[in-house]
Amino acid sequence: MTEIKAELVGNLWKIVVEVGQAVEEDDTLMILESMKMEIPITTPASGTVTQILVSEGEVVQEGQTVAIID
């Protein structure tokens, strides 16, 4: 199990994966918007998305777990 965490505070602009989707290392899972910049949240390992813990439009905090990959 790998917890994916936000690296900074921002508005969750877009979720680009779904639960059950297979992902490869460095795939983009979500896109944060912070100070008018788009910052991708990527996965550090290959696996399957088992949980998405946030919603589009939500403000996420630095270090907050946003998804889980198995």
PDB file of N, CA and C in Angstrom:
ATOM      1  N   MET A   1       0.849  -1.184   0.000  1.00  0.00           N
ATOM      2  CA  MET A   1       0.000   0.000   0.000  1.00  0.00           C
ATOM      3  C   MET A   1       0.892   1.243   0.000  1.00  0.00           C
ATOM      4  N   THR A   2       0.603   2.169  -0.893  1.00  0.00           N
ATOM      5  CA  THR A   2       1.338   3.426  -0.985  1.00  0.00           C
ATOM      6  C   THR A   2       0.365   4.579  -0.824  1.00  0.00           C
ATOM      7  N   GLU A   3       0.623   5.432   0.160  1.00  0.00           N
ATOM      8  CA  GLU A   3      -0.193   6.632   0.345  1.00  0.00           C
ATOM      9  C   GLU A   3       0.392   7.747  -0.506  1.00  0.00           C
ATOM     10  N   ILE A   4      -0.458   8.392  -1.296  1.00  0.00           N
ATOM     11  CA  ILE A   4      -0.034   9.523  -2.114  1.00  0.00           C
ATOM     12  C   ILE A   4      -0.429  10.790  -1.367  1.00  0.00           C
ATOM     13  N   LYS A   5       0.548  11.659  -1.138  1.00  0.00           N
ATOM     14  CA  LYS A   5       0.309  12.875  -0.357  1.00  0.00           C
ATOM     15  C   LYS A   5       0.514  14.126  -1.207  1.00  0.00           C
ATOM     16  N   ALA A   6      -0.232  15.150  -0.870  1.00  0.00           N
ATOM     17  CA  ALA A   6      -0.054  16.454  -1.526  1.00  0.00           C
ATOM     18  C   ALA A   6       1.239  17.079  -1.017  1.00  0.00           C
ATOM     19  N   GLU A   7       1.991  17.676  -1.916  1.00  0.00           N
ATOM     20  CA  GLU A   7       3.259  18.288  -1.536  1.00  0.00           C
ATOM     21  C   GLU A   7       3.097  19.740  -1.102  1.00  0.00           C
ATOM     22  N   LEU A   8       1.930  20.332  -1.386  1.00  0.00           N
ATOM     23  CA  LEU A   8       1.695  21.712  -0.986  1.00  0.00           C
ATOM     24  C   LEU A   8       0.204  21.972  -0.864  1.00  0.00           C
ATOM     25  N   VAL A   9      -0.136  23.111  -0.287  1.00  0.00           N
ATOM     26  CA  VAL A   9      -1.530  23.519  -0.146  1.00  0.00           C
ATOM     27  C   VAL A   9      -2.027  24.002  -1.507  1.00  0.00           C
ATOM     28  N   GLY A  10      -3.212  23.574  -1.893  1.00  0.00           N
ATOM     29  CA  GLY A  10      -3.773  24.032  -3.159  1.00  0.00           C
ATOM     30  C   GLY A  10      -5.188  23.547  -3.354  1.00  0.00           C
ATOM     31  N   ASN A  11      -5.817  24.060  -4.385  1.00  0.00           N
ATOM     32  CA  ASN A  11      -7.161  23.660  -4.768  1.00  0.00           C
ATOM     33  C   ASN A  11      -7.045  22.457  -5.701  1.00  0.00           C
ATOM     34  N   LEU A  12      -7.757  21.374  -5.392  1.00  0.00           N
ATOM     35  CA  LEU A  12      -7.711  20.203  -6.260  1.00  0.00           C
ATOM     36  C   LEU A  12      -8.529  20.503  -7.502  1.00  0.00           C
ATOM     37  N   TRP A  13      -7.831  20.776  -8.592  1.00  0.00           N
ATOM     38  CA  TRP A  13      -8.464  21.211  -9.822  1.00  0.00           C
ATOM     39  C   TRP A  13      -9.063  20.051 -10.601  1.00  0.00           C
ATOM     40  N   LYS A  14      -8.309  18.943 -10.721  1.00  0.00           N
ATOM     41  CA  LYS A  14      -8.790  17.839 -11.543  1.00  0.00           C
ATOM     42  C   LYS A  14      -8.227  16.508 -11.062  1.00  0.00           C
ATOM     43  N   ILE A  15      -9.087  15.481 -11.043  1.00  0.00           N
ATOM     44  CA  ILE A  15      -8.675  14.106 -10.777  1.00  0.00           C
ATOM     45  C   ILE A  15      -8.663  13.397 -12.123  1.00  0.00           C
ATOM     46  N   VAL A  16      -7.525  12.811 -12.484  1.00  0.00           N
ATOM     47  CA  VAL A  16      -7.399  12.220 -13.818  1.00  0.00           C
ATOM     48  C   VAL A  16      -7.403  10.691 -13.813  1.00  0.00           C
ATOM     49  N   VAL A  17      -7.554  10.074 -12.639  1.00  0.00           N
ATOM     50  CA  VAL A  17      -7.638   8.617 -12.547  1.00  0.00           C
ATOM     51  C   VAL A  17      -8.924   8.228 -11.821  1.00  0.00           C
ATOM     52  N   GLU A  18      -9.259   6.944 -11.898  1.00  0.00           N
ATOM     53  CA  GLU A  18     -10.436   6.402 -11.214  1.00  0.00           C
ATOM     54  C   GLU A  18     -10.006   5.252 -10.315  1.00  0.00           C
ATOM     55  N   VAL A  19     -10.811   4.959  -9.300  1.00  0.00           N
ATOM     56  CA  VAL A  19     -10.569   3.794  -8.459  1.00  0.00           C
ATOM     57  C   VAL A  19     -10.605   2.554  -9.346  1.00  0.00           C
ATOM     58  N   GLY A  20      -9.643   1.672  -9.144  1.00  0.00           N
ATOM     59  CA  GLY A  20      -9.534   0.457  -9.940  1.00  0.00           C
ATOM     60  C   GLY A  20      -8.627   0.584 -11.147  1.00  0.00           C
ATOM     61  N   GLN A  21      -8.195   1.795 -11.446  1.00  0.00           N
ATOM     62  CA  GLN A  21      -7.343   2.028 -12.608  1.00  0.00           C
ATOM     63  C   GLN A  21      -5.890   1.653 -12.291  1.00  0.00           C
ATOM     64  N   ALA A  22      -5.237   0.976 -13.224  1.00  0.00           N
ATOM     65  CA  ALA A  22      -3.813   0.659 -13.090  1.00  0.00           C
ATOM     66  C   ALA A  22      -2.999   1.887 -13.470  1.00  0.00           C
ATOM     67  N   VAL A  23      -1.947   2.154 -12.689  1.00  0.00           N
ATOM     68  CA  VAL A  23      -1.069   3.286 -12.960  1.00  0.00           C
ATOM     69  C   VAL A  23       0.380   2.821 -12.934  1.00  0.00           C
ATOM     70  N   GLU A  24       1.215   3.550 -13.636  1.00  0.00           N
ATOM     71  CA  GLU A  24       2.650   3.288 -13.662  1.00  0.00           C
ATOM     72  C   GLU A  24       3.366   4.364 -12.854  1.00  0.00           C
ATOM     73  N   GLU A  25       4.576   4.079 -12.430  1.00  0.00           N
ATOM     74  CA  GLU A  25       5.384   5.052 -11.704  1.00  0.00           C
ATOM     75  C   GLU A  25       5.449   6.364 -12.471  1.00  0.00           C
ATOM     76  N   ASP A  26       5.277   7.464 -11.779  1.00  0.00           N
ATOM     77  CA  ASP A  26       5.311   8.838 -12.309  1.00  0.00           C
ATOM     78  C   ASP A  26       4.068   9.232 -13.115  1.00  0.00           C
ATOM     79  N   ASP A  27       3.024   8.403 -13.161  1.00  0.00           N
ATOM     80  CA  ASP A  27       1.765   8.813 -13.796  1.00  0.00           C
ATOM     81  C   ASP A  27       1.130   9.930 -12.971  1.00  0.00           C
ATOM     82  N   THR A  28       0.471  10.867 -13.645  1.00  0.00           N
ATOM     83  CA  THR A  28      -0.259  11.934 -12.955  1.00  0.00           C
ATOM     84  C   THR A  28      -1.593  11.388 -12.465  1.00  0.00           C
ATOM     85  N   LEU A  29      -1.872  11.606 -11.184  1.00  0.00           N
ATOM     86  CA  LEU A  29      -3.133  11.171 -10.580  1.00  0.00           C
ATOM     87  C   LEU A  29      -4.126  12.325 -10.501  1.00  0.00           C
ATOM     88  N   MET A  30      -3.606  13.487 -10.130  1.00  0.00           N
ATOM     89  CA  MET A  30      -4.437  14.665  -9.887  1.00  0.00           C
ATOM     90  C   MET A  30      -3.649  15.910 -10.238  1.00  0.00           C
ATOM     91  N   ILE A  31      -4.371  17.023 -10.374  1.00  0.00           N
ATOM     92  CA  ILE A  31      -3.712  18.294 -10.641  1.00  0.00           C
ATOM     93  C   ILE A  31      -4.194  19.317  -9.617  1.00  0.00           C
ATOM     94  N   LEU A  32      -3.239  19.892  -8.896  1.00  0.00           N
ATOM     95  CA  LEU A  32      -3.528  20.962  -7.946  1.00  0.00           C
ATOM     96  C   LEU A  32      -3.345  22.301  -8.634  1.00  0.00           C
ATOM     97  N   GLU A  33      -4.114  23.278  -8.195  1.00  0.00           N
ATOM     98  CA  GLU A  33      -3.939  24.656  -8.659  1.00  0.00           C
ATOM     99  C   GLU A  33      -3.520  25.471  -7.444  1.00  0.00           C
ATOM    100  N   SER A  34      -2.380  26.136  -7.575  1.00  0.00           N
ATOM    101  CA  SER A  34      -1.884  26.970  -6.488  1.00  0.00           C
ATOM    102  C   SER A  34      -1.200  28.188  -7.096  1.00  0.00           C
ATOM    103  N   MET A  35      -1.628  29.352  -6.697  1.00  0.00           N
ATOM    104  CA  MET A  35      -1.067  30.614  -7.194  1.00  0.00           C
ATOM    105  C   MET A  35      -1.066  30.644  -8.725  1.00  0.00           C
ATOM    106  N   LYS A  36      -2.169  30.210  -9.322  1.00  0.00           N
ATOM    107  CA  LYS A  36      -2.394  30.203 -10.766  1.00  0.00           C
ATOM    108  C   LYS A  36      -1.453  29.272 -11.526  1.00  0.00           C
ATOM    109  N   MET A  37      -0.845  28.322 -10.812  1.00  0.00           N
ATOM    110  CA  MET A  37      -0.003  27.315 -11.446  1.00  0.00           C
ATOM    111  C   MET A  37      -0.662  25.953 -11.279  1.00  0.00           C
ATOM    112  N   GLU A  38      -0.491  25.080 -12.269  1.00  0.00           N
ATOM    113  CA  GLU A  38      -1.001  23.714 -12.188  1.00  0.00           C
ATOM    114  C   GLU A  38       0.150  22.800 -11.773  1.00  0.00           C
ATOM    115  N   ILE A  39      -0.044  22.091 -10.672  1.00  0.00           N
ATOM    116  CA  ILE A  39       0.997  21.222 -10.139  1.00  0.00           C
ATOM    117  C   ILE A  39       0.467  19.784 -10.124  1.00  0.00           C
ATOM    118  N   PRO A  40       1.109  18.870 -10.862  1.00  0.00           N
ATOM    119  CA  PRO A  40       0.629  17.484 -10.876  1.00  0.00           C
ATOM    120  C   PRO A  40       1.010  16.742  -9.603  1.00  0.00           C
ATOM    121  N   ILE A  41       0.115  15.866  -9.161  1.00  0.00           N
ATOM    122  CA  ILE A  41       0.417  14.905  -8.102  1.00  0.00           C
ATOM    123  C   ILE A  41       0.637  13.583  -8.821  1.00  0.00           C
ATOM    124  N   THR A  42       1.841  13.028  -8.689  1.00  0.00           N
ATOM    125  CA  THR A  42       2.189  11.801  -9.398  1.00  0.00           C
ATOM    126  C   THR A  42       2.366  10.648  -8.417  1.00  0.00           C
ATOM    127  N   THR A  43       2.359   9.444  -8.958  1.00  0.00           N
ATOM    128  CA  THR A  43       2.540   8.267  -8.122  1.00  0.00           C
ATOM    129  C   THR A  43       4.003   7.832  -8.123  1.00  0.00           C
ATOM    130  N   PRO A  44       4.544   7.505  -6.948  1.00  0.00           N
ATOM    131  CA  PRO A  44       5.944   7.074  -6.873  1.00  0.00           C
ATOM    132  C   PRO A  44       6.150   5.606  -7.244  1.00  0.00           C
ATOM    133  N   ALA A  45       5.046   4.869  -7.431  1.00  0.00           N
ATOM    134  CA  ALA A  45       5.155   3.436  -7.719  1.00  0.00           C
ATOM    135  C   ALA A  45       4.011   2.990  -8.621  1.00  0.00           C
ATOM    136  N   SER A  46       4.229   1.893  -9.311  1.00  0.00           N
ATOM    137  CA  SER A  46       3.167   1.296 -10.132  1.00  0.00           C
ATOM    138  C   SER A  46       2.191   0.561  -9.222  1.00  0.00           C
ATOM    139  N   GLY A  47       0.948   0.425  -9.687  1.00  0.00           N
ATOM    140  CA  GLY A  47      -0.052  -0.307  -8.910  1.00  0.00           C
ATOM    141  C   GLY A  47      -1.445   0.002  -9.400  1.00  0.00           C
ATOM    142  N   THR A  48      -2.409  -0.223  -8.525  1.00  0.00           N
ATOM    143  CA  THR A  48      -3.813   0.034  -8.823  1.00  0.00           C
ATOM    144  C   THR A  48      -4.353   1.039  -7.822  1.00  0.00           C
ATOM    145  N   VAL A  49      -5.083   2.029  -8.302  1.00  0.00           N
ATOM    146  CA  VAL A  49      -5.702   3.025  -7.425  1.00  0.00           C
ATOM    147  C   VAL A  49      -6.817   2.328  -6.644  1.00  0.00           C
ATOM    148  N   THR A  50      -6.677   2.279  -5.315  1.00  0.00           N
ATOM    149  CA  THR A  50      -7.702   1.616  -4.495  1.00  0.00           C
ATOM    150  C   THR A  50      -8.618   2.608  -3.789  1.00  0.00           C
ATOM    151  N   GLN A  51      -8.112   3.827  -3.540  1.00  0.00           N
ATOM    152  CA  GLN A  51      -8.950   4.849  -2.905  1.00  0.00           C
ATOM    153  C   GLN A  51      -8.548   6.224  -3.400  1.00  0.00           C
ATOM    154  N   ILE A  52      -9.540   7.077  -3.588  1.00  0.00           N
ATOM    155  CA  ILE A  52      -9.332   8.503  -3.821  1.00  0.00           C
ATOM    156  C   ILE A  52     -10.019   9.202  -2.654  1.00  0.00           C
ATOM    157  N   LEU A  53      -9.244   9.932  -1.873  1.00  0.00           N
ATOM    158  CA  LEU A  53      -9.724  10.462  -0.600  1.00  0.00           C
ATOM    159  C   LEU A  53     -10.135  11.926  -0.645  1.00  0.00           C
ATOM    160  N   VAL A  54     -10.128  12.528  -1.831  1.00  0.00           N
ATOM    161  CA  VAL A  54     -10.473  13.945  -1.982  1.00  0.00           C
ATOM    162  C   VAL A  54     -11.415  14.110  -3.172  1.00  0.00           C
ATOM    163  N   SER A  55     -11.978  15.295  -3.310  1.00  0.00           N
ATOM    164  CA  SER A  55     -12.898  15.606  -4.404  1.00  0.00           C
ATOM    165  C   SER A  55     -12.401  16.826  -5.163  1.00  0.00           C
ATOM    166  N   GLU A  56     -12.768  16.906  -6.438  1.00  0.00           N
ATOM    167  CA  GLU A  56     -12.411  18.086  -7.230  1.00  0.00           C
ATOM    168  C   GLU A  56     -13.009  19.322  -6.575  1.00  0.00           C
ATOM    169  N   GLY A  57     -12.237  20.402  -6.531  1.00  0.00           N
ATOM    170  CA  GLY A  57     -12.680  21.653  -5.921  1.00  0.00           C
ATOM    171  C   GLY A  57     -12.301  21.781  -4.455  1.00  0.00           C
ATOM    172  N   GLU A  58     -11.890  20.693  -3.851  1.00  0.00           N
ATOM    173  CA  GLU A  58     -11.511  20.687  -2.436  1.00  0.00           C
ATOM    174  C   GLU A  58     -10.136  21.331  -2.250  1.00  0.00           C
ATOM    175  N   VAL A  59      -9.944  22.026  -1.144  1.00  0.00           N
ATOM    176  CA  VAL A  59      -8.630  22.557  -0.796  1.00  0.00           C
ATOM    177  C   VAL A  59      -7.907  21.464  -0.014  1.00  0.00           C
ATOM    178  N   VAL A  60      -6.715  21.093  -0.488  1.00  0.00           N
ATOM    179  CA  VAL A  60      -5.922  20.080   0.205  1.00  0.00           C
ATOM    180  C   VAL A  60      -4.746  20.744   0.901  1.00  0.00           C
ATOM    181  N   GLN A  61      -4.317  20.124   1.971  1.00  0.00           N
ATOM    182  CA  GLN A  61      -3.229  20.660   2.775  1.00  0.00           C
ATOM    183  C   GLN A  61      -1.926  19.916   2.476  1.00  0.00           C
ATOM    184  N   GLU A  62      -0.817  20.573   2.711  1.00  0.00           N
ATOM    185  CA  GLU A  62       0.485  19.940   2.538  1.00  0.00           C
ATOM    186  C   GLU A  62       0.574  18.694   3.419  1.00  0.00           C
ATOM    187  N   GLY A  63       0.962  17.573   2.828  1.00  0.00           N
ATOM    188  CA  GLY A  63       1.093  16.318   3.572  1.00  0.00           C
ATOM    189  C   GLY A  63      -0.187  15.518   3.693  1.00  0.00           C
ATOM    190  N   GLN A  64      -1.296  16.051   3.196  1.00  0.00           N
ATOM    191  CA  GLN A  64      -2.575  15.335   3.263  1.00  0.00           C
ATOM    192  C   GLN A  64      -2.564  14.159   2.292  1.00  0.00           C
ATOM    193  N   THR A  65      -3.033  12.991   2.752  1.00  0.00           N
ATOM    194  CA  THR A  65      -3.142  11.827   1.886  1.00  0.00           C
ATOM    195  C   THR A  65      -4.326  12.040   0.950  1.00  0.00           C
ATOM    196  N   VAL A  66      -4.067  11.941  -0.355  1.00  0.00           N
ATOM    197  CA  VAL A  66      -5.120  12.193  -1.344  1.00  0.00           C
ATOM    198  C   VAL A  66      -5.577  10.918  -2.063  1.00  0.00           C
ATOM    199  N   ALA A  67      -4.713   9.887  -2.065  1.00  0.00           N
ATOM    200  CA  ALA A  67      -5.075   8.636  -2.726  1.00  0.00           C
ATOM    201  C   ALA A  67      -4.223   7.502  -2.158  1.00  0.00           C
ATOM    202  N   ILE A  68      -4.694   6.273  -2.399  1.00  0.00           N
ATOM    203  CA  ILE A  68      -3.946   5.085  -1.986  1.00  0.00           C
ATOM    204  C   ILE A  68      -3.800   4.178  -3.182  1.00  0.00           C
ATOM    205  N   ILE A  69      -2.580   3.685  -3.393  1.00  0.00           N
ATOM    206  CA  ILE A  69      -2.240   2.779  -4.485  1.00  0.00           C
ATOM    207  C   ILE A  69      -1.803   1.447  -3.872  1.00  0.00           C
ATOM    208  N   ASP A  70      -2.291   0.354  -4.409  1.00  0.00           N
ATOM    209  CA  ASP A  70      -1.824  -0.984  -3.988  1.00  0.00           C
ATOM    210  C   ASP A  70      -1.110  -1.641  -5.137  1.00  0.00           C
TER     211      ASP A  70
END
